[in-house]
């Protein structure tokens, strides 16, 4: 990993590590290099919440003995987001083990009017899972039990702190798969996935979490436990209350348990990695793949040349085909008959090459090769961090205008960015646009925002496809939602969390019109 200038300077000055572990050093480095969110946004005002006292800490210690973290070195990772762009100043992290403890914590915080931030794996990209000021962090790390798995129906019931990758491994033993797959699956929590309505690589095949989640157990700000933990696919008895909490980003309640429908694991998987000469050809290939691959099509991703350069130059990954094409496509098929699926994929690719849509490509059916090809796509976010600071955008745009945003941003920020890249889920019109610079630049940010959001709104897109709004995007919500829709959201917040203690400064705008 390319070392930042500040860190290189510390090391060159023989910064002593003799009395510290590397982790302690890194946490110290975070405090020196990541400005407090309250400092970066000086016009932001703290809400009228109570301040934490020693008496509060004593109460928490009685509620969850031995699981109250207060040391500054312990808190750094909980206060700082994954991108190292947001940092709060929470003085305590609470780590409950079950729903009852969560209920007791929130009930007390609500009575004391202490603001709370629910936190899972802290892999979010919009500052939604870390404090803005001194909110109390309630971590679900210890709520990691798998409660049941019905192999016949494919229904998994688990606690919110289960890591997505661990759940994938568990259901795989029963020949099932999780309906979502993310690059951060090794550390993200299923509760956080649900709270942000994470999309990922399999949405094209299995749909969004609004369809895959059968039930939820959630704790409201008052401490009341809302038990909607159904395992049924059909339950048409009144409002579907669980849907309120999927995508609510912890602002309406803290998810503690979930019931999820897991699809059957495919017997055969094939992955094609293709090079083509224009984005129009990417769209042609997508259109044809839906017709020719049909029911076995499970993923359709694209990467531009600058994204491939990140994988090659920053991560030193070997690109499976020639690395000089302007655009690349990754297609995955999955089905029950390996021979049938392979013939279908090979026939499709032969047709695409004969028609000039594909210039070069490779196909893999062996697990190791499939995993490597996917790593080129999934590790792009990691590779971008080597450039210094990354400005990340996750938008949905009609495919007719999809890549136009990358070109517009690249032209607008020329000379102020190291690179501007585009990649993402063409299958569901989700573009990941990223710009980098050696360090954070307000000039670059001013070039990007609100220009980028204005462009998306003009073309009838969404400013957040799967990352949520969090802290960073909340005041741009009107680019995608009407004033009446936002007012309804605010009314829901007032009913379920009248004191506003749950994840304040997130999702809803500063001013509701």
Protein backbone atom coordinates (compact mmCIF):
# COMPACT_ATOMS: atom_id res chain seq x y z
CA UNK A 1 0.00 0.00 0.00
CA UNK A 2 1.27 3.43 -0.91
CA UNK A 3 2.07 5.26 2.33
CA UNK A 4 0.66 8.75 2.79
CA UNK A 5 3.05 11.68 3.07
CA UNK A 6 2.17 12.29 6.73
CA UNK A 7 2.83 8.68 7.66
CA UNK A 8 6.10 8.56 5.67
CA UNK A 9 7.25 11.66 7.54
CA UNK A 10 6.46 10.10 10.90
CA UNK A 11 8.37 6.97 9.98
CA UNK A 12 11.33 8.87 8.56
CA UNK A 13 11.59 10.76 11.86
CA UNK A 14 12.04 7.43 13.64
CA UNK A 15 8.71 7.64 15.36
CA UNK A 16 9.13 5.17 18.21
CA UNK A 17 7.05 2.02 18.14
CA UNK A 18 8.94 0.34 20.98
CA UNK A 19 6.25 0.91 23.62
CA UNK A 20 3.25 0.53 21.31
CA UNK A 21 1.71 -2.15 19.18
CA UNK A 22 1.24 -1.34 15.51
CA UNK A 23 -2.46 -1.05 16.15
CA UNK A 24 -1.95 1.58 18.82
CA UNK A 25 0.33 3.47 16.46
CA UNK A 26 -2.26 3.37 13.71
CA UNK A 27 -4.98 4.64 16.03
CA UNK A 28 -2.70 7.48 17.09
CA UNK A 29 -2.07 8.20 13.42
CA UNK A 30 -5.82 8.33 12.79
CA UNK A 31 -6.28 10.99 15.45
CA UNK A 32 -3.52 13.06 13.87
CA UNK A 33 -4.66 12.79 10.25
CA UNK A 34 -8.47 12.47 10.25
CA UNK A 35 -10.08 15.75 11.31
CA UNK A 36 -13.12 15.66 13.56
CA UNK A 37 -16.34 15.90 11.58
CA UNK A 38 -17.39 18.80 13.83
CA UNK A 39 -14.22 20.64 12.75
CA UNK A 40 -14.50 19.83 9.03
CA UNK A 41 -18.12 21.05 9.11
CA UNK A 42 -17.91 24.11 11.41
CA UNK A 43 -21.48 25.26 10.69
CA UNK A 44 -22.91 22.01 11.99
CA UNK A 45 -24.50 22.40 15.43
CA UNK A 46 -24.78 19.73 18.10
CA UNK A 47 -28.37 18.82 18.97
CA UNK A 48 -29.86 19.45 22.39
CA UNK A 49 -28.78 16.11 23.82
CA UNK A 50 -27.49 15.44 27.32
CA UNK A 51 -23.76 15.05 27.95
CA UNK A 52 -22.40 11.75 29.20
CA UNK A 53 -21.67 11.62 32.94
CA UNK A 54 -19.87 9.23 35.29
CA UNK A 55 -23.29 8.19 36.60
CA UNK A 56 -24.30 7.16 33.08
CA UNK A 57 -21.16 5.03 32.77
CA UNK A 58 -21.97 3.36 36.07
CA UNK A 59 -25.46 2.51 34.85
CA UNK A 60 -24.09 1.08 31.61
CA UNK A 61 -21.57 -1.01 33.53
CA UNK A 62 -24.43 -2.51 35.55
CA UNK A 63 -26.46 -3.22 32.41
CA UNK A 64 -23.61 -4.89 30.49
CA UNK A 65 -20.75 -5.65 32.92
CA UNK A 66 -17.30 -5.67 31.37
CA UNK A 67 -18.51 -4.57 27.94
CA UNK A 68 -18.27 -0.79 28.29
CA UNK A 69 -15.30 0.67 26.39
CA UNK A 70 -13.99 4.10 27.41
CA UNK A 71 -10.27 4.15 26.65
CA UNK A 72 -9.32 6.59 23.90
CA UNK A 73 -7.19 4.02 22.08
CA UNK A 74 -10.10 1.56 22.13
CA UNK A 75 -12.55 4.12 20.76
CA UNK A 76 -10.61 5.33 17.72
CA UNK A 77 -11.79 2.56 15.40
CA UNK A 78 -15.41 3.10 16.42
CA UNK A 79 -15.19 6.88 15.98
CA UNK A 80 -13.63 6.79 12.51
CA UNK A 81 -15.30 5.57 9.32
CA UNK A 82 -13.73 3.11 6.87
CA UNK A 83 -12.81 5.82 4.36
CA UNK A 84 -11.07 7.85 7.09
CA UNK A 85 -13.15 10.89 6.16
CA UNK A 86 -15.44 11.18 9.20
CA UNK A 87 -14.39 11.10 12.86
CA UNK A 88 -16.55 11.61 15.92
CA UNK A 89 -15.62 12.07 19.57
CA UNK A 90 -17.70 9.45 21.35
CA UNK A 91 -16.51 8.75 24.87
CA UNK A 92 -18.04 5.30 25.21
CA UNK A 93 -18.82 2.18 23.20
CA UNK A 94 -21.44 -0.26 24.50
CA UNK A 95 -21.35 -3.88 23.36
CA UNK A 96 -24.59 -5.69 24.24
CA UNK A 97 -24.96 -9.43 23.70
CA UNK A 98 -28.71 -9.73 23.22
CA UNK A 99 -31.95 -7.92 22.49
CA UNK A 100 -32.82 -7.45 26.16
CA UNK A 101 -29.58 -5.55 26.76
CA UNK A 102 -30.15 -3.38 23.71
CA UNK A 103 -33.63 -2.61 24.99
CA UNK A 104 -32.35 -1.63 28.43
CA UNK A 105 -29.62 0.59 26.93
CA UNK A 106 -31.96 2.45 24.57
CA UNK A 107 -34.64 2.86 27.23
CA UNK A 108 -32.10 4.51 29.55
CA UNK A 109 -30.59 6.68 26.78
CA UNK A 110 -34.04 7.83 25.71
CA UNK A 111 -34.98 8.81 29.26
CA UNK A 112 -31.67 10.68 29.64
CA UNK A 113 -31.83 12.06 26.09
CA UNK A 114 -28.42 10.65 25.23
CA UNK A 115 -27.83 10.36 21.48
CA UNK A 116 -26.90 6.92 20.13
CA UNK A 117 -25.19 5.59 16.99
CA UNK A 118 -25.91 1.94 16.09
CA UNK A 119 -22.80 0.39 14.58
CA UNK A 120 -22.13 -2.93 12.89
CA UNK A 121 -18.96 -3.65 10.93
CA UNK A 122 -18.43 0.07 10.23
CA UNK A 123 -17.83 -0.50 6.52
CA UNK A 124 -20.23 2.22 5.36
CA UNK A 125 -19.11 4.86 2.89
CA UNK A 126 -21.30 7.86 3.75
CA UNK A 127 -20.46 8.45 7.42
CA UNK A 128 -23.66 6.81 8.62
CA UNK A 129 -22.19 4.43 11.21
CA UNK A 130 -19.92 6.74 13.21
CA UNK A 131 -20.64 9.61 15.63
CA UNK A 132 -20.76 13.17 14.36
CA UNK A 133 -20.24 14.65 17.82
CA UNK A 134 -20.14 12.63 21.04
CA UNK A 135 -23.00 10.18 20.47
CA UNK A 136 -22.82 6.85 22.31
CA UNK A 137 -21.83 3.97 20.03
CA UNK A 138 -23.91 0.81 20.45
CA UNK A 139 -21.98 -1.94 18.68
CA UNK A 140 -23.59 -5.21 17.58
CA UNK A 141 -20.24 -7.04 17.43
CA UNK A 142 -21.17 -9.50 20.19
CA UNK A 143 -24.66 -10.20 18.84
CA UNK A 144 -23.34 -12.76 16.38
CA UNK A 145 -25.34 -15.93 16.96
CA UNK A 146 -26.93 -17.96 14.16
CA UNK A 147 -30.27 -18.98 15.62
CA UNK A 148 -31.60 -21.42 13.03
CA UNK A 149 -31.45 -22.54 9.42
CA UNK A 150 -34.33 -24.40 7.80
CA UNK A 151 -32.68 -26.32 4.96
CA UNK A 152 -36.01 -27.12 3.31
CA UNK A 153 -37.41 -23.58 3.08
CA UNK A 154 -33.98 -21.93 3.01
CA UNK A 155 -34.88 -19.63 5.91
CA UNK A 156 -32.01 -18.31 8.02
CA UNK A 157 -32.62 -16.61 11.38
CA UNK A 158 -29.66 -14.81 12.93
CA UNK A 159 -28.59 -11.91 15.11
CA UNK A 160 -27.70 -8.55 13.60
CA UNK A 161 -23.99 -8.74 14.42
CA UNK A 162 -23.31 -11.79 12.25
CA UNK A 163 -20.66 -11.10 9.62
CA UNK A 164 -22.01 -11.57 6.10
CA UNK A 165 -19.09 -13.77 5.04
CA UNK A 166 -19.62 -16.07 8.03
CA UNK A 167 -23.30 -16.40 7.16
CA UNK A 168 -22.36 -17.25 3.57
CA UNK A 169 -20.04 -19.99 4.78
CA UNK A 170 -22.68 -21.35 7.15
CA UNK A 171 -25.52 -21.59 4.64
CA UNK A 172 -23.14 -23.01 2.01
CA UNK A 173 -22.83 -26.14 4.17
CA UNK A 174 -26.54 -26.69 3.48
CA UNK A 175 -26.13 -26.01 -0.25
CA UNK A 176 -27.60 -22.50 0.05
CA UNK A 177 -26.27 -18.99 -0.57
CA UNK A 178 -26.96 -15.57 0.90
CA UNK A 179 -29.11 -13.40 -1.41
CA UNK A 180 -26.53 -10.59 -1.27
CA UNK A 181 -22.79 -10.53 -1.85
CA UNK A 182 -20.55 -7.54 -1.14
CA UNK A 183 -16.86 -6.77 -1.40
CA UNK A 184 -16.90 -6.02 2.35
CA UNK A 185 -18.47 -9.39 3.24
CA UNK A 186 -15.49 -10.32 5.41
CA UNK A 187 -16.29 -7.58 7.93
CA UNK A 188 -19.75 -6.07 7.31
CA UNK A 189 -22.61 -7.11 9.60
CA UNK A 190 -25.96 -8.33 8.32
CA UNK A 191 -27.71 -5.77 10.55
CA UNK A 192 -25.84 -2.96 8.84
CA UNK A 193 -26.60 -4.48 5.43
CA UNK A 194 -30.30 -4.42 6.28
CA UNK A 195 -30.21 -0.94 7.80
CA UNK A 196 -28.69 0.45 4.59
CA UNK A 197 -30.58 -1.88 2.22
CA UNK A 198 -27.26 -2.95 0.73
CA UNK A 199 -27.43 -4.12 -2.89
CA UNK A 200 -24.25 -5.79 -4.03
CA UNK A 201 -23.34 -8.16 -6.80
CA UNK A 202 -26.36 -10.48 -6.80
CA UNK A 203 -29.23 -8.00 -6.95
CA UNK A 204 -29.73 -8.65 -10.68
CA UNK A 205 -30.58 -12.28 -9.92
CA UNK A 206 -32.09 -12.26 -6.43
CA UNK A 207 -33.52 -8.76 -6.04
CA UNK A 208 -33.21 -6.33 -3.13
CA UNK A 209 -33.35 -7.09 0.58
CA UNK A 210 -36.90 -5.75 0.68
CA UNK A 211 -37.84 -9.03 -1.00
CA UNK A 212 -35.34 -11.39 0.66
CA UNK A 213 -36.00 -10.41 4.27
CA UNK A 214 -38.91 -12.34 5.76
CA UNK A 215 -38.82 -10.82 9.23
CA UNK A 216 -37.02 -8.50 11.63
CA UNK A 217 -36.75 -7.91 15.34
CA UNK A 218 -36.07 -4.26 16.09
CA UNK A 219 -35.69 -2.17 19.24
CA UNK A 220 -37.21 1.32 19.21
CA UNK A 221 -35.69 4.35 20.94
CA UNK A 222 -38.05 3.82 23.86
CA UNK A 223 -36.67 0.33 24.42
CA UNK A 224 -39.79 -1.34 23.06
CA UNK A 225 -39.02 -4.52 21.12
CA UNK A 226 -40.91 -4.80 17.83
CA UNK A 227 -41.15 -8.50 17.03
CA UNK A 228 -41.80 -8.99 13.31
CA UNK A 229 -39.47 -11.98 13.10
CA UNK A 230 -41.65 -14.02 10.76
CA UNK A 231 -40.21 -16.91 8.74
CA UNK A 232 -43.13 -16.99 6.32
CA UNK A 233 -42.98 -15.90 2.71
CA UNK A 234 -46.64 -14.91 2.85
CA UNK A 235 -48.14 -12.86 5.66
CA UNK A 236 -50.78 -10.45 4.41
CA UNK A 237 -52.01 -9.20 7.78
CA UNK A 238 -51.84 -5.43 7.78
CA UNK A 239 -48.89 -3.12 7.20
CA UNK A 240 -45.52 -4.75 6.47
CA UNK A 241 -43.85 -3.03 9.41
CA UNK A 242 -40.42 -4.61 8.92
CA UNK A 243 -40.00 -2.70 5.65
CA UNK A 244 -39.80 0.57 7.61
CA UNK A 245 -36.49 -0.46 9.10
CA UNK A 246 -34.83 -1.80 5.93
CA UNK A 247 -32.89 1.18 4.58
CA UNK A 248 -33.69 3.40 7.57
CA UNK A 249 -29.98 3.57 8.53
CA UNK A 250 -30.62 3.11 12.23
CA UNK A 251 -32.72 6.26 12.52
CA UNK A 252 -36.00 4.50 13.37
CA UNK A 253 -34.82 1.53 15.40
CA UNK A 254 -31.89 -0.80 16.03
CA UNK A 255 -32.21 -4.13 14.20
CA UNK A 256 -31.34 -7.05 16.50
CA UNK A 257 -32.44 -10.15 14.56
CA UNK A 258 -33.37 -11.04 11.01
CA UNK A 259 -35.06 -13.82 9.08
CA UNK A 260 -33.69 -14.11 5.54
CA UNK A 261 -34.66 -16.29 2.59
CA UNK A 262 -31.55 -17.96 1.15
CA UNK A 263 -31.62 -19.22 -2.45
CA UNK A 264 -30.35 -22.64 -3.48
CA UNK A 265 -26.63 -22.74 -4.22
CA UNK A 266 -26.11 -23.17 -7.98
CA UNK A 267 -24.45 -26.37 -9.14
CA UNK A 268 -22.53 -24.61 -11.87
CA UNK A 269 -21.02 -21.14 -12.13
CA UNK A 270 -19.27 -19.61 -15.13
CA UNK A 271 -17.61 -16.20 -15.27
CA UNK A 272 -16.63 -14.37 -18.44
CA UNK A 273 -14.26 -11.40 -18.46
CA UNK A 274 -14.49 -9.45 -21.71
CA UNK A 275 -12.90 -6.44 -23.40
CA UNK A 276 -14.79 -4.10 -25.71
CA UNK A 277 -14.16 -0.82 -27.47
CA UNK A 278 -17.00 1.44 -26.30
CA UNK A 279 -19.65 1.79 -23.64
CA UNK A 280 -22.28 1.40 -26.32
CA UNK A 281 -20.91 -2.10 -26.82
CA UNK A 282 -21.21 -2.74 -23.07
CA UNK A 283 -24.92 -1.96 -23.35
CA UNK A 284 -25.26 -4.10 -26.48
CA UNK A 285 -23.70 -7.04 -24.64
CA UNK A 286 -26.01 -6.52 -21.67
CA UNK A 287 -29.09 -6.47 -23.87
CA UNK A 288 -28.01 -9.64 -25.64
CA UNK A 289 -27.06 -11.38 -22.38
CA UNK A 290 -30.58 -10.95 -21.04
CA UNK A 291 -31.99 -12.60 -24.15
CA UNK A 292 -29.38 -15.31 -24.70
CA UNK A 293 -28.46 -16.25 -21.11
CA UNK A 294 -31.86 -15.54 -19.63
CA UNK A 295 -32.52 -17.50 -16.44
CA UNK A 296 -28.86 -18.32 -15.74
CA UNK A 297 -27.62 -14.69 -15.84
CA UNK A 298 -26.64 -13.80 -12.26
CA UNK A 299 -24.34 -10.76 -12.55
CA UNK A 300 -23.38 -8.17 -15.14
CA UNK A 301 -20.61 -5.74 -14.14
CA UNK A 302 -18.53 -3.23 -16.03
CA UNK A 303 -15.19 -1.53 -15.41
CA UNK A 304 -13.58 1.25 -17.41
CA UNK A 305 -9.88 1.41 -18.29
CA UNK A 306 -9.09 3.67 -15.33
CA UNK A 307 -10.64 1.17 -12.93
CA UNK A 308 -8.52 -1.60 -14.44
CA UNK A 309 -5.45 0.62 -13.98
CA UNK A 310 -6.23 0.82 -10.25
CA UNK A 311 -6.25 -2.99 -9.99
CA UNK A 312 -3.10 -3.33 -12.07
CA UNK A 313 -0.97 -0.44 -10.77
CA UNK A 314 -2.11 0.00 -7.16
CA UNK A 315 -2.89 -3.61 -6.26
CA UNK A 316 -0.42 -5.29 -8.66
CA UNK A 317 -3.13 -7.64 -9.91
CA UNK A 318 -2.69 -9.41 -13.21
CA UNK A 319 -5.57 -8.58 -15.53
CA UNK A 320 -7.05 -11.78 -17.06
CA UNK A 321 -6.97 -10.38 -20.62
CA UNK A 322 -5.16 -7.58 -22.46
CA UNK A 323 -5.30 -4.44 -20.29
CA UNK A 324 -5.54 -1.88 -23.09
CA UNK A 325 -9.30 -1.92 -23.78
CA UNK A 326 -11.37 1.14 -22.86
CA UNK A 327 -14.12 -1.00 -21.26
CA UNK A 328 -14.45 -4.39 -19.62
CA UNK A 329 -17.43 -6.57 -18.78
CA UNK A 330 -17.74 -9.29 -16.14
CA UNK A 331 -20.64 -11.68 -16.69
CA UNK A 332 -21.59 -14.45 -14.28
CA UNK A 333 -24.00 -17.28 -14.99
CA UNK A 334 -25.23 -19.75 -12.41
CA UNK A 335 -27.55 -22.70 -12.79
CA UNK A 336 -28.23 -26.35 -12.10
CA UNK A 337 -26.75 -28.02 -15.20
CA UNK A 338 -23.06 -27.34 -15.82
CA UNK A 339 -22.99 -28.73 -19.35
CA UNK A 340 -26.08 -26.80 -20.40
CA UNK A 341 -24.87 -23.55 -18.82
CA UNK A 342 -21.39 -23.81 -20.33
CA UNK A 343 -22.78 -24.45 -23.79
CA UNK A 344 -25.13 -21.51 -23.40
CA UNK A 345 -22.34 -19.18 -22.25
CA UNK A 346 -19.92 -20.31 -24.98
CA UNK A 347 -22.57 -19.91 -27.66
CA UNK A 348 -23.40 -16.42 -26.42
CA UNK A 349 -19.75 -15.34 -26.36
CA UNK A 350 -19.09 -16.76 -29.81
CA UNK A 351 -22.00 -14.73 -31.15
CA UNK A 352 -20.76 -11.57 -29.40
CA UNK A 353 -17.28 -11.94 -30.89
CA UNK A 354 -18.59 -12.71 -34.37
CA UNK A 355 -20.69 -9.55 -34.23
CA UNK A 356 -17.73 -7.46 -33.04
CA UNK A 357 -19.26 -6.59 -29.67
CA UNK A 358 -16.43 -8.36 -27.81
CA UNK A 359 -12.80 -7.97 -28.88
CA UNK A 360 -11.19 -10.38 -26.42
CA UNK A 361 -12.23 -12.43 -23.43
CA UNK A 362 -11.76 -15.39 -21.15
CA UNK A 363 -14.15 -17.78 -19.42
CA UNK A 364 -13.62 -19.54 -16.09
CA UNK A 365 -15.56 -22.35 -14.44
CA UNK A 366 -12.98 -23.40 -11.83
CA UNK A 367 -13.63 -21.83 -8.39
CA UNK A 368 -10.09 -20.48 -7.97
CA UNK A 369 -10.13 -18.74 -11.36
CA UNK A 370 -13.63 -17.39 -10.77
CA UNK A 371 -12.57 -16.00 -7.42
CA UNK A 372 -9.53 -14.30 -8.97
CA UNK A 373 -11.55 -12.65 -11.74
CA UNK A 374 -14.05 -11.40 -9.19
CA UNK A 375 -11.21 -10.04 -7.04
CA UNK A 376 -10.21 -7.68 -9.85
CA UNK A 377 -13.69 -6.15 -9.62
CA UNK A 378 -14.22 -6.36 -5.85
CA UNK A 379 -10.88 -4.88 -4.80
CA UNK A 380 -11.19 -1.65 -6.79
CA UNK A 381 -12.40 0.23 -3.68
CA UNK A 382 -9.33 -0.95 -1.78
CA UNK A 383 -7.01 0.04 -4.61
CA UNK A 384 -8.40 3.57 -4.79
CA UNK A 385 -7.27 4.23 -1.21
CA UNK A 386 -3.66 3.96 -2.40
CA UNK A 387 -4.09 7.23 -4.30
CA UNK A 388 -4.67 9.19 -1.08
CA UNK A 389 -8.17 10.63 -0.64
CA UNK A 390 -11.16 9.10 -2.43
CA UNK A 391 -14.39 10.94 -3.26
CA UNK A 392 -16.91 8.10 -3.58
CA UNK A 393 -20.29 8.28 -5.27
CA UNK A 394 -22.88 5.54 -5.62
CA UNK A 395 -25.70 6.50 -7.95
CA UNK A 396 -28.42 4.99 -10.11
CA UNK A 397 -28.78 6.40 -13.61
CA UNK A 398 -30.85 5.27 -16.59
CA UNK A 399 -28.53 3.22 -18.81
CA UNK A 400 -28.97 5.64 -21.71
CA UNK A 401 -27.07 8.27 -19.64
CA UNK A 402 -25.05 5.91 -17.42
CA UNK A 403 -21.43 6.56 -18.44
CA UNK A 404 -22.09 10.16 -19.41
CA UNK A 405 -21.72 11.13 -15.75
CA UNK A 406 -18.17 9.73 -15.59
CA UNK A 407 -17.22 11.69 -18.70
CA UNK A 408 -18.79 14.88 -17.36
CA UNK A 409 -17.04 14.62 -13.99
CA UNK A 410 -13.72 13.73 -15.59
CA UNK A 411 -13.89 16.81 -17.79
CA UNK A 412 -14.99 19.10 -14.95
CA UNK A 413 -12.29 18.01 -12.48
CA UNK A 414 -9.38 17.71 -14.90
CA UNK A 415 -6.21 18.93 -13.21
CA UNK A 416 -7.74 18.63 -9.75
CA UNK A 417 -7.92 14.84 -9.47
CA UNK A 418 -5.47 11.97 -9.78
CA UNK A 419 -8.09 9.93 -11.61
CA UNK A 420 -11.83 9.59 -12.14
CA UNK A 421 -13.11 6.06 -12.66
CA UNK A 422 -16.39 4.31 -13.30
CA UNK A 423 -17.44 0.75 -12.57
CA UNK A 424 -20.48 -0.99 -11.17
CA UNK A 425 -23.63 -3.01 -11.60
CA UNK A 426 -24.93 -2.36 -15.11
CA UNK A 427 -27.56 -5.01 -14.43
CA UNK A 428 -29.38 -2.67 -12.05
CA UNK A 429 -28.21 0.74 -13.41
CA UNK A 430 -25.93 1.28 -10.38
CA UNK A 431 -22.75 3.27 -11.10
CA UNK A 432 -19.83 3.60 -8.70
CA UNK A 433 -18.07 6.83 -9.64
CA UNK A 434 -14.85 7.58 -7.77
CA UNK A 435 -12.39 10.44 -7.95
CA UNK A 436 -9.08 10.56 -6.09
CA UNK A 437 -6.49 13.14 -5.09
CA UNK A 438 -3.34 12.95 -2.94
CA UNK A 439 -5.25 14.46 0.00
CA UNK A 440 -8.63 16.02 0.67
CA UNK A 441 -9.17 19.20 -1.34
CA UNK A 442 -12.09 21.54 -0.79
CA UNK A 443 -11.54 22.86 -4.31
CA UNK A 444 -12.06 19.39 -5.73
CA UNK A 445 -15.08 18.81 -3.51
CA UNK A 446 -16.64 22.06 -4.69
CA UNK A 447 -16.16 20.93 -8.29
CA UNK A 448 -17.89 17.63 -7.53
CA UNK A 449 -20.78 18.79 -5.35
CA UNK A 450 -23.47 19.76 -6.03
CA UNK A 451 -22.62 19.42 -9.75
CA UNK A 452 -22.68 15.64 -9.63
CA UNK A 453 -26.00 15.47 -7.77
CA UNK A 454 -27.54 18.08 -10.07
CA UNK A 455 -26.47 15.99 -13.09
CA UNK A 456 -28.02 12.83 -11.61
CA UNK A 457 -31.27 14.62 -10.76
CA UNK A 458 -31.46 16.13 -14.25
CA UNK A 459 -31.31 12.63 -15.74
CA UNK A 460 -33.91 11.21 -13.33
CA UNK A 461 -31.45 9.13 -11.34
CA UNK A 462 -30.90 8.51 -7.63
CA UNK A 463 -28.06 10.05 -5.65
CA UNK A 464 -27.70 6.86 -3.60
CA UNK A 465 -28.18 3.45 -5.16
CA UNK A 466 -27.04 1.22 -2.30
CA UNK A 467 -24.80 3.05 0.21
CA UNK A 468 -27.56 5.11 1.81
CA UNK A 469 -27.49 8.82 2.62
CA UNK A 470 -25.74 8.72 5.99
CA UNK A 471 -24.19 12.00 7.10
CA UNK A 472 -22.57 13.02 3.83
CA UNK A 473 -25.57 12.92 1.50
CA UNK A 474 -28.49 13.78 3.76
CA UNK A 475 -28.80 17.40 2.64
CA UNK A 476 -28.95 16.30 -1.01
CA UNK A 477 -32.01 14.10 -0.42
CA UNK A 478 -34.25 16.49 -2.37
CA UNK A 479 -32.33 15.63 -5.51
CA UNK A 480 -34.05 12.23 -5.40
CA UNK A 481 -37.09 12.59 -3.14
CA UNK A 482 -40.02 14.99 -3.27
CA UNK A 483 -40.74 17.38 -0.42
CA UNK A 484 -43.89 15.45 0.47
CA UNK A 485 -41.94 12.18 0.66
CA UNK A 486 -39.34 13.73 2.97
CA UNK A 487 -42.08 15.16 5.19
CA UNK A 488 -43.58 11.68 5.56
CA UNK A 489 -40.13 10.33 6.50
CA UNK A 490 -39.77 13.05 9.11
CA UNK A 491 -43.22 12.29 10.53
CA UNK A 492 -42.26 8.62 10.86
CA UNK A 493 -39.11 9.64 12.70
CA UNK A 494 -41.09 11.82 15.12
CA UNK A 495 -43.51 8.99 15.90
CA UNK A 496 -40.92 6.24 16.41
CA UNK A 497 -38.13 8.37 17.92
CA UNK A 498 -39.69 11.57 19.32
CA UNK A 499 -36.50 12.57 21.17
CA UNK A 500 -34.42 12.05 18.06
CA UNK A 501 -31.74 10.02 19.86
CA UNK A 502 -31.23 7.37 17.16
CA UNK A 503 -28.41 8.18 14.74
CA UNK A 504 -28.93 11.95 14.67
CA UNK A 505 -27.54 14.07 11.80
CA UNK A 506 -28.08 11.12 9.40
CA UNK A 507 -30.44 10.42 6.48
CA UNK A 508 -32.92 13.26 7.08
CA UNK A 509 -31.88 16.74 5.90
CA UNK A 510 -30.89 19.56 8.22
CA UNK A 511 -34.04 21.43 7.18
CA UNK A 512 -37.25 19.59 6.30
CA UNK A 513 -39.20 21.71 3.84
